[in-house]
């Protein structure tokens, strides 16, 4: 899933993938859902 498709900056996605910062709370939960069900997230974001 690309950053543009989910509405975040490429730098934010790069930082997360490299493990420099760990999201907390709701952001962490949403990222888990996005990893498990990317098609559902994309559908919800693009309604």
Protein backbone atom coordinates (compact mmCIF):
# COMPACT_ATOMS: atom_id res chain seq x y z
CA UNK A 1 0.00 0.00 0.00
CA UNK A 2 1.49 3.33 -0.98
CA UNK A 3 1.42 6.43 1.18
CA UNK A 4 -0.57 8.40 -1.42
CA UNK A 5 -3.31 5.77 -1.44
CA UNK A 6 -3.81 6.09 2.32
CA UNK A 7 -3.28 9.84 2.57
CA UNK A 8 0.03 10.10 4.43
CA UNK A 9 3.37 11.53 3.38
CA UNK A 10 5.97 9.20 1.87
CA UNK A 11 8.38 10.27 4.64
CA UNK A 12 5.94 9.17 7.36
CA UNK A 13 5.60 5.76 5.75
CA UNK A 14 9.38 5.46 5.38
CA UNK A 15 9.94 6.31 9.05
CA UNK A 16 7.40 3.72 10.13
CA UNK A 17 8.83 0.99 7.89
CA UNK A 18 12.35 1.67 9.15
CA UNK A 19 11.19 1.41 12.75
CA UNK A 20 12.36 4.88 13.81
CA UNK A 21 9.00 5.64 15.41
CA UNK A 22 6.30 3.31 16.61
CA UNK A 23 2.71 4.44 16.31
CA UNK A 24 0.57 4.22 19.43
CA UNK A 25 -3.07 3.74 20.26
CA UNK A 26 -5.55 4.24 17.45
CA UNK A 27 -2.85 4.72 14.80
CA UNK A 28 -1.31 1.36 15.70
CA UNK A 29 -4.68 -0.38 15.54
CA UNK A 30 -5.50 1.15 12.16
CA UNK A 31 -2.10 0.13 10.77
CA UNK A 32 -2.69 -3.44 11.91
CA UNK A 33 -6.01 -3.48 10.09
CA UNK A 34 -4.37 -1.97 6.99
CA UNK A 35 -1.70 -4.68 7.00
CA UNK A 36 -4.25 -7.46 7.38
CA UNK A 37 -7.01 -6.09 5.14
CA UNK A 38 -5.59 -3.44 2.80
CA UNK A 39 -8.49 -3.69 0.38
CA UNK A 40 -11.02 -2.89 3.10
CA UNK A 41 -9.03 0.15 4.20
CA UNK A 42 -8.70 1.46 0.65
CA UNK A 43 -12.41 0.97 0.05
CA UNK A 44 -13.29 2.88 3.23
CA UNK A 45 -10.89 5.72 2.45
CA UNK A 46 -12.08 6.21 -1.11
CA UNK A 47 -15.85 6.31 -0.61
